[in-house]
Amino acid sequence: MSSTGPLLLWDGVRATAATVTSFVSDLRDVTITPTGLLYTLSGNTLTRYDTAYGLTQGNWRVRTVISGLNDARSVTWLVP
């Protein structure tokens, strides 16, 4: 069964959450960085959203970081 659901982001100030994007039941992992970037992982794509700009301007500045992954499950970040 396939379903679509929104990815919502709330900044703690607004009355309602903002919709970043919608996913078709393939969202695997979500990470928000201290710099205001949000990364989403689906089974085949890692995508970056600029949440600071998105919450203020409504334009999320979406960028595909990696595509063509094979059934990805999660993201691990290594900090030097």
N, C-alpha and C. Protein backbone atom coordinates (compact mmCIF):
# COMPACT_ATOMS: atom_id res chain seq x y z
N MET A 1 0.84 -1.17 0.00
CA MET A 1 0.00 0.00 0.00
C MET A 1 0.89 1.24 0.00
N SER A 2 0.56 2.19 -0.81
CA SER A 2 1.33 3.42 -0.91
C SER A 2 0.48 4.59 -0.43
N SER A 3 1.07 5.43 0.41
CA SER A 3 0.35 6.60 0.89
C SER A 3 1.27 7.81 0.84
N THR A 4 0.67 8.97 0.77
CA THR A 4 1.42 10.22 0.72
C THR A 4 1.18 10.99 1.99
N GLY A 5 2.25 11.56 2.55
CA GLY A 5 2.12 12.36 3.75
C GLY A 5 3.07 13.53 3.72
N PRO A 6 2.70 14.63 4.36
CA PRO A 6 3.56 15.81 4.35
C PRO A 6 4.67 15.72 5.39
N LEU A 7 5.79 16.35 5.11
CA LEU A 7 6.85 16.55 6.08
C LEU A 7 6.65 17.95 6.62
N LEU A 8 6.29 18.06 7.90
CA LEU A 8 5.98 19.34 8.51
C LEU A 8 7.12 19.80 9.39
N LEU A 9 7.34 21.10 9.48
CA LEU A 9 8.39 21.68 10.31
C LEU A 9 7.79 22.83 11.11
N TRP A 10 7.97 22.77 12.41
CA TRP A 10 7.45 23.81 13.29
C TRP A 10 8.62 24.47 14.00
N ASP A 11 8.68 25.79 14.00
CA ASP A 11 9.80 26.51 14.59
C ASP A 11 9.56 26.90 16.04
N GLY A 12 8.45 26.51 16.64
CA GLY A 12 8.17 26.82 18.03
C GLY A 12 7.56 28.18 18.25
N VAL A 13 7.42 28.94 17.18
CA VAL A 13 6.89 30.30 17.27
C VAL A 13 5.55 30.43 16.55
N ARG A 14 5.49 29.90 15.37
CA ARG A 14 4.28 30.02 14.55
C ARG A 14 3.11 29.23 15.15
N ALA A 15 1.93 29.59 14.74
CA ALA A 15 0.72 28.91 15.22
C ALA A 15 0.57 27.52 14.59
N THR A 16 1.08 27.34 13.37
CA THR A 16 0.98 26.06 12.69
C THR A 16 2.33 25.69 12.08
N ALA A 17 2.48 24.42 11.77
CA ALA A 17 3.70 23.93 11.14
C ALA A 17 3.68 24.24 9.64
N ALA A 18 4.86 24.43 9.09
CA ALA A 18 5.01 24.67 7.65
C ALA A 18 5.23 23.33 6.94
N THR A 19 4.66 23.17 5.76
CA THR A 19 4.88 21.97 4.97
C THR A 19 6.13 22.15 4.13
N VAL A 20 7.10 21.28 4.34
CA VAL A 20 8.35 21.33 3.58
C VAL A 20 8.14 20.64 2.23
N THR A 21 7.64 19.41 2.27
CA THR A 21 7.40 18.63 1.07
C THR A 21 6.49 17.47 1.43
N SER A 22 6.12 16.66 0.44
CA SER A 22 5.32 15.46 0.68
C SER A 22 6.10 14.25 0.22
N PHE A 23 5.89 13.13 0.88
CA PHE A 23 6.58 11.89 0.56
C PHE A 23 5.57 10.79 0.29
N VAL A 24 5.93 9.90 -0.61
CA VAL A 24 5.11 8.73 -0.88
C VAL A 24 5.72 7.56 -0.11
N SER A 25 5.37 7.42 1.12
CA SER A 25 5.74 6.32 2.02
C SER A 25 7.16 5.77 1.86
N ASP A 26 8.08 6.59 1.41
CA ASP A 26 9.45 6.13 1.20
C ASP A 26 10.46 6.90 2.04
N LEU A 27 9.98 7.74 2.95
CA LEU A 27 10.89 8.50 3.81
C LEU A 27 11.57 7.55 4.78
N ARG A 28 12.90 7.55 4.79
CA ARG A 28 13.66 6.61 5.62
C ARG A 28 14.32 7.28 6.82
N ASP A 29 14.79 8.54 6.65
CA ASP A 29 15.54 9.20 7.71
C ASP A 29 15.44 10.71 7.51
N VAL A 30 15.50 11.46 8.62
CA VAL A 30 15.47 12.92 8.60
C VAL A 30 16.52 13.44 9.58
N THR A 31 17.29 14.43 9.17
CA THR A 31 18.28 15.05 10.04
C THR A 31 18.18 16.56 9.89
N ILE A 32 18.22 17.28 11.01
CA ILE A 32 18.28 18.74 10.97
C ILE A 32 19.60 19.15 11.60
N THR A 33 20.36 19.97 10.87
CA THR A 33 21.67 20.40 11.36
C THR A 33 21.54 21.70 12.17
N PRO A 34 22.52 22.01 13.00
CA PRO A 34 22.49 23.28 13.75
C PRO A 34 22.50 24.51 12.85
N THR A 35 22.92 24.36 11.60
CA THR A 35 22.97 25.49 10.68
C THR A 35 21.65 25.72 9.94
N GLY A 36 20.64 24.91 10.22
CA GLY A 36 19.33 25.10 9.62
C GLY A 36 19.09 24.33 8.33
N LEU A 37 19.90 23.33 8.08
CA LEU A 37 19.68 22.49 6.91
C LEU A 37 18.97 21.21 7.34
N LEU A 38 18.03 20.78 6.53
CA LEU A 38 17.30 19.56 6.79
C LEU A 38 17.62 18.57 5.69
N TYR A 39 18.00 17.36 6.06
CA TYR A 39 18.30 16.32 5.09
C TYR A 39 17.26 15.22 5.21
N THR A 40 16.72 14.79 4.05
CA THR A 40 15.79 13.67 4.04
C THR A 40 16.39 12.57 3.18
N LEU A 41 16.14 11.34 3.61
CA LEU A 41 16.62 10.17 2.87
C LEU A 41 15.43 9.32 2.47
N SER A 42 15.34 9.03 1.19
CA SER A 42 14.36 8.07 0.70
C SER A 42 15.15 6.82 0.30
N GLY A 43 14.49 5.87 -0.27
CA GLY A 43 15.18 4.64 -0.66
C GLY A 43 16.27 4.85 -1.68
N ASN A 44 16.19 5.93 -2.46
CA ASN A 44 17.20 6.14 -3.49
C ASN A 44 17.80 7.54 -3.56
N THR A 45 17.38 8.47 -2.67
CA THR A 45 17.85 9.86 -2.80
C THR A 45 18.08 10.51 -1.43
N LEU A 46 19.18 11.25 -1.32
CA LEU A 46 19.44 12.11 -0.17
C LEU A 46 19.24 13.54 -0.65
N THR A 47 18.33 14.28 0.02
CA THR A 47 17.96 15.63 -0.40
C THR A 47 18.18 16.61 0.73
N ARG A 48 18.60 17.84 0.39
CA ARG A 48 18.85 18.88 1.38
C ARG A 48 17.85 20.02 1.19
N TYR A 49 17.34 20.55 2.31
CA TYR A 49 16.41 21.69 2.31
C TYR A 49 16.98 22.77 3.23
N ASP A 50 16.90 24.03 2.81
CA ASP A 50 17.34 25.15 3.64
C ASP A 50 16.14 25.60 4.48
N THR A 51 16.06 25.13 5.72
CA THR A 51 14.88 25.40 6.55
C THR A 51 14.82 26.83 7.05
N ALA A 52 15.96 27.44 7.32
CA ALA A 52 15.95 28.83 7.78
C ALA A 52 15.34 29.73 6.71
N TYR A 53 15.76 29.55 5.49
CA TYR A 53 15.22 30.32 4.37
C TYR A 53 13.78 29.93 4.09
N GLY A 54 13.49 28.64 4.18
CA GLY A 54 12.15 28.16 3.90
C GLY A 54 11.11 28.69 4.86
N LEU A 55 11.45 28.75 6.14
CA LEU A 55 10.50 29.26 7.13
C LEU A 55 10.25 30.76 6.98
N THR A 56 11.25 31.49 6.53
CA THR A 56 11.07 32.94 6.38
C THR A 56 10.55 33.35 5.01
N GLN A 57 10.95 32.63 3.96
CA GLN A 57 10.60 33.03 2.59
C GLN A 57 9.60 32.09 1.91
N GLY A 58 9.42 30.87 2.45
CA GLY A 58 8.53 29.91 1.81
C GLY A 58 9.16 29.15 0.66
N ASN A 59 10.43 29.41 0.37
CA ASN A 59 11.18 28.70 -0.66
C ASN A 59 12.23 27.86 0.05
N TRP A 60 12.17 26.55 -0.09
CA TRP A 60 13.01 25.66 0.70
C TRP A 60 14.39 25.42 0.11
N ARG A 61 14.69 25.97 -1.06
CA ARG A 61 16.00 25.78 -1.70
C ARG A 61 16.41 24.31 -1.66
N VAL A 62 15.70 23.51 -2.38
CA VAL A 62 15.90 22.06 -2.41
C VAL A 62 17.09 21.70 -3.29
N ARG A 63 17.93 20.79 -2.79
CA ARG A 63 19.07 20.31 -3.58
C ARG A 63 19.22 18.81 -3.39
N THR A 64 19.28 18.07 -4.49
CA THR A 64 19.56 16.64 -4.42
C THR A 64 21.04 16.47 -4.17
N VAL A 65 21.39 15.81 -3.07
CA VAL A 65 22.80 15.60 -2.71
C VAL A 65 23.32 14.34 -3.39
N ILE A 66 22.57 13.25 -3.28
CA ILE A 66 22.94 11.98 -3.90
C ILE A 66 21.66 11.34 -4.44
N SER A 67 21.72 10.82 -5.65
CA SER A 67 20.60 10.05 -6.17
C SER A 67 21.14 8.72 -6.69
N GLY A 68 20.24 7.80 -6.91
CA GLY A 68 20.66 6.49 -7.42
C GLY A 68 21.09 5.52 -6.33
N LEU A 69 20.73 5.80 -5.08
CA LEU A 69 21.05 4.87 -3.99
C LEU A 69 20.21 3.61 -4.15
N ASN A 70 20.69 2.51 -3.57
CA ASN A 70 20.00 1.24 -3.70
C ASN A 70 19.39 0.83 -2.36
N ASP A 71 18.13 1.17 -2.13
CA ASP A 71 17.40 0.79 -0.93
C ASP A 71 18.07 1.31 0.35
N ALA A 72 18.41 2.59 0.37
CA ALA A 72 19.06 3.22 1.53
C ALA A 72 18.17 3.12 2.75
N ARG A 73 18.77 3.00 3.95
CA ARG A 73 18.00 2.84 5.18
C ARG A 73 18.18 3.99 6.17
N SER A 74 19.38 4.52 6.31
CA SER A 74 19.61 5.61 7.25
C SER A 74 20.88 6.35 6.87
N VAL A 75 21.05 7.52 7.51
CA VAL A 75 22.22 8.35 7.27
C VAL A 75 23.02 8.43 8.56
N THR A 76 24.32 8.31 8.46
CA THR A 76 25.22 8.48 9.60
C THR A 76 26.15 9.64 9.29
N TRP A 77 26.24 10.59 10.22
CA TRP A 77 27.10 11.75 10.03
C TRP A 77 28.34 11.60 10.87
N LEU A 78 29.50 11.79 10.27
CA LEU A 78 30.77 11.76 10.99
C LEU A 78 31.27 13.19 11.15
N VAL A 79 31.53 13.57 12.37
CA VAL A 79 32.00 14.92 12.66
C VAL A 79 33.49 14.85 12.99
N PRO A 80 34.32 15.58 12.24
CA PRO A 80 35.76 15.52 12.50
C PRO A 80 36.14 16.15 13.82
